[in-house]
Amino acid sequence: MFGGGGMNPRKMKQMMKQMGIDVEEIDAERVVIETADGDDLVFDGADVTKMDAQGQETYQIVGSPDAVADAGAGGAAAVEGGDEPALDDADDDGDDGIPEEDVKLVAQQAGVSKAAAREALEAANGEPARAISDLQ
């Protein structure tokens, strides 16, 4: 953000505070970036910083992705380490009006199949947060 070039970190923090920029370290265990082409990036143990500058939040992730999941090739590929549940594509074209992105999100976050995620979303009136909570 700034070319600190050897500036004292305490002084840098003080300057940012004077400019109205709040910086907060986030204790994140895992960060997943879902891309439009399906090549999702998975960061385990990355350093995440949240900066709030006049109401605009910016998140910075420092680290390398441990795995790249290719969800665009007929389903989700296994993520290195085998921690990610396999998602089945049995219900891809549901006529229930629930977006496929929501089904995928709930399935990944709750560690269940897409069919189970879709059922939970239906029971939760299409609310992903409630569906995930109900499944856990």
Protein backbone atom coordinates (compact mmCIF):
# COMPACT_ATOMS: atom_id res chain seq x y z
CA MET A 1 0.00 0.00 0.00
CA PHE A 2 2.70 2.48 1.03
CA GLY A 3 6.37 2.29 0.11
CA GLY A 4 7.42 2.03 3.75
CA GLY A 5 11.07 1.49 2.74
CA GLY A 6 12.46 0.81 6.22
CA MET A 7 9.99 2.99 8.11
CA ASN A 8 9.41 2.13 11.74
CA PRO A 9 6.24 -0.09 11.89
CA ARG A 10 4.94 1.85 14.91
CA LYS A 11 5.34 5.13 13.04
CA MET A 12 3.62 3.65 9.97
CA LYS A 13 0.68 2.50 12.10
CA GLN A 14 0.42 5.95 13.68
CA MET A 15 0.40 7.64 10.25
CA MET A 16 -2.28 5.29 8.96
CA LYS A 17 -4.44 5.99 12.02
CA GLN A 18 -4.09 9.76 11.41
CA MET A 19 -5.31 9.22 7.83
CA GLY A 20 -8.36 7.33 9.10
CA ILE A 21 -7.12 3.86 8.13
CA ASP A 22 -7.76 1.12 10.68
CA VAL A 23 -5.72 -2.08 10.28
CA GLU A 24 -6.74 -5.35 11.89
CA GLU A 25 -5.06 -8.76 11.73
CA ILE A 26 -7.54 -11.58 11.16
CA ASP A 27 -6.83 -15.02 12.63
CA ALA A 28 -7.89 -16.95 9.52
CA GLU A 29 -7.37 -20.70 9.31
CA ARG A 30 -8.37 -21.03 5.65
CA VAL A 31 -9.13 -18.68 2.77
CA VAL A 32 -10.84 -19.91 -0.41
CA ILE A 33 -11.10 -17.74 -3.51
CA GLU A 34 -13.72 -19.01 -5.93
CA THR A 35 -12.97 -17.91 -9.48
CA ALA A 36 -15.33 -17.67 -12.45
CA ASP A 37 -13.38 -20.32 -14.38
CA GLY A 38 -13.64 -22.82 -11.51
CA ASP A 39 -9.94 -22.88 -10.57
CA ASP A 40 -10.42 -22.08 -6.89
CA LEU A 41 -7.45 -21.01 -4.78
CA VAL A 42 -7.15 -22.45 -1.25
CA PHE A 43 -4.87 -20.78 1.30
CA ASP A 44 -4.26 -22.63 4.57
CA GLY A 45 -2.61 -20.60 7.32
CA ALA A 46 -2.28 -17.39 5.28
CA ASP A 47 -1.77 -14.02 6.98
CA VAL A 48 -4.93 -11.95 6.47
CA THR A 49 -5.12 -8.23 7.16
CA LYS A 50 -8.28 -6.11 7.03
CA MET A 51 -7.90 -2.41 6.33
CA ASP A 52 -10.82 -0.02 6.80
CA ALA A 53 -10.27 3.33 5.10
CA GLN A 54 -13.26 5.65 5.43
CA GLY A 55 -15.79 2.82 5.38
CA GLN A 56 -14.17 0.92 2.50
CA GLU A 57 -12.89 -2.48 3.65
CA THR A 58 -9.91 -4.10 1.94
CA TYR A 59 -8.56 -7.55 2.73
CA GLN A 60 -4.97 -8.56 2.06
CA ILE A 61 -3.91 -12.21 1.92
CA VAL A 62 -0.21 -12.98 2.27
CA GLY A 63 0.77 -16.52 1.41
CA SER A 64 0.75 -19.05 -1.39
CA PRO A 65 -2.22 -21.23 -2.24
CA ASP A 66 -1.64 -24.74 -0.91
CA ALA A 67 -4.01 -26.17 -3.50
CA VAL A 68 -5.97 -25.29 -6.57
CA ALA A 69 -9.34 -27.00 -6.84
CA ASP A 70 -10.66 -27.29 -10.41
CA ALA A 71 -14.42 -27.29 -9.93
CA GLY A 72 -15.16 -26.52 -13.59
CA ALA A 73 -14.24 -29.92 -15.04
CA GLY A 74 -17.36 -31.92 -14.27
CA GLY A 75 -17.25 -31.52 -10.51
CA ALA A 76 -14.84 -30.55 -7.79
CA ALA A 77 -11.38 -32.00 -7.98
CA ALA A 78 -9.75 -33.22 -4.82
CA VAL A 79 -7.80 -30.59 -2.93
CA GLU A 80 -4.28 -31.43 -1.82
CA GLY A 81 -4.30 -33.07 1.58
CA GLY A 82 -7.75 -34.60 1.04
CA ASP A 83 -9.47 -32.24 3.48
CA GLU A 84 -12.18 -31.07 1.06
CA PRO A 85 -15.30 -33.21 0.73
CA ALA A 86 -16.13 -34.46 -2.75
CA LEU A 87 -19.17 -32.76 -4.21
CA ASP A 88 -21.56 -34.78 -6.31
CA ASP A 89 -23.25 -33.15 -9.27
CA ALA A 90 -26.47 -35.17 -9.17
CA ASP A 91 -28.71 -32.12 -8.67
CA ASP A 92 -27.04 -29.46 -10.82
CA ASP A 93 -30.21 -28.42 -12.65
CA GLY A 94 -32.70 -28.04 -9.84
CA ASP A 95 -35.98 -26.30 -10.66
CA ASP A 96 -36.30 -24.95 -7.13
CA GLY A 97 -34.96 -21.46 -7.93
CA ILE A 98 -31.93 -21.85 -5.66
CA PRO A 99 -28.75 -20.55 -7.33
CA GLU A 100 -26.08 -23.17 -7.99
CA GLU A 101 -23.48 -20.89 -6.37
CA ASP A 102 -25.43 -21.05 -3.08
CA VAL A 103 -25.65 -24.84 -3.29
CA LYS A 104 -21.90 -25.07 -3.88
CA LEU A 105 -21.13 -22.65 -1.03
CA VAL A 106 -23.29 -24.54 1.47
CA ALA A 107 -21.88 -27.91 0.36
CA GLN A 108 -18.29 -26.74 0.77
CA GLN A 109 -18.79 -24.90 4.06
CA ALA A 110 -20.83 -27.67 5.70
CA GLY A 111 -18.87 -30.56 4.17
CA VAL A 112 -21.90 -32.24 2.63
CA SER A 113 -23.02 -33.29 -0.86
CA LYS A 114 -24.74 -30.86 -3.20
CA ALA A 115 -27.99 -32.81 -2.79
CA ALA A 116 -27.87 -32.38 1.00
CA ALA A 117 -26.92 -28.71 0.60
CA ARG A 118 -29.85 -28.12 -1.77
CA GLU A 119 -32.27 -29.75 0.72
CA ALA A 120 -30.91 -27.60 3.55
CA LEU A 121 -31.29 -24.46 1.41
CA GLU A 122 -34.88 -25.39 0.60
CA ALA A 123 -35.61 -25.88 4.30
CA ALA A 124 -33.90 -22.54 5.08
CA ASN A 125 -35.91 -20.63 2.45
CA GLY A 126 -32.82 -20.15 0.30
CA GLU A 127 -30.70 -18.55 3.05
CA PRO A 128 -27.14 -19.98 2.80
CA ALA A 129 -26.01 -18.91 6.28
CA ARG A 130 -29.02 -20.55 7.91
CA ALA A 131 -28.60 -23.70 5.82
CA ILE A 132 -24.93 -24.01 6.82
CA SER A 133 -25.81 -23.45 10.46
CA ASP A 134 -28.55 -26.09 10.30
CA LEU A 135 -26.14 -28.63 8.78
CA GLN A 136 -23.43 -28.15 11.41
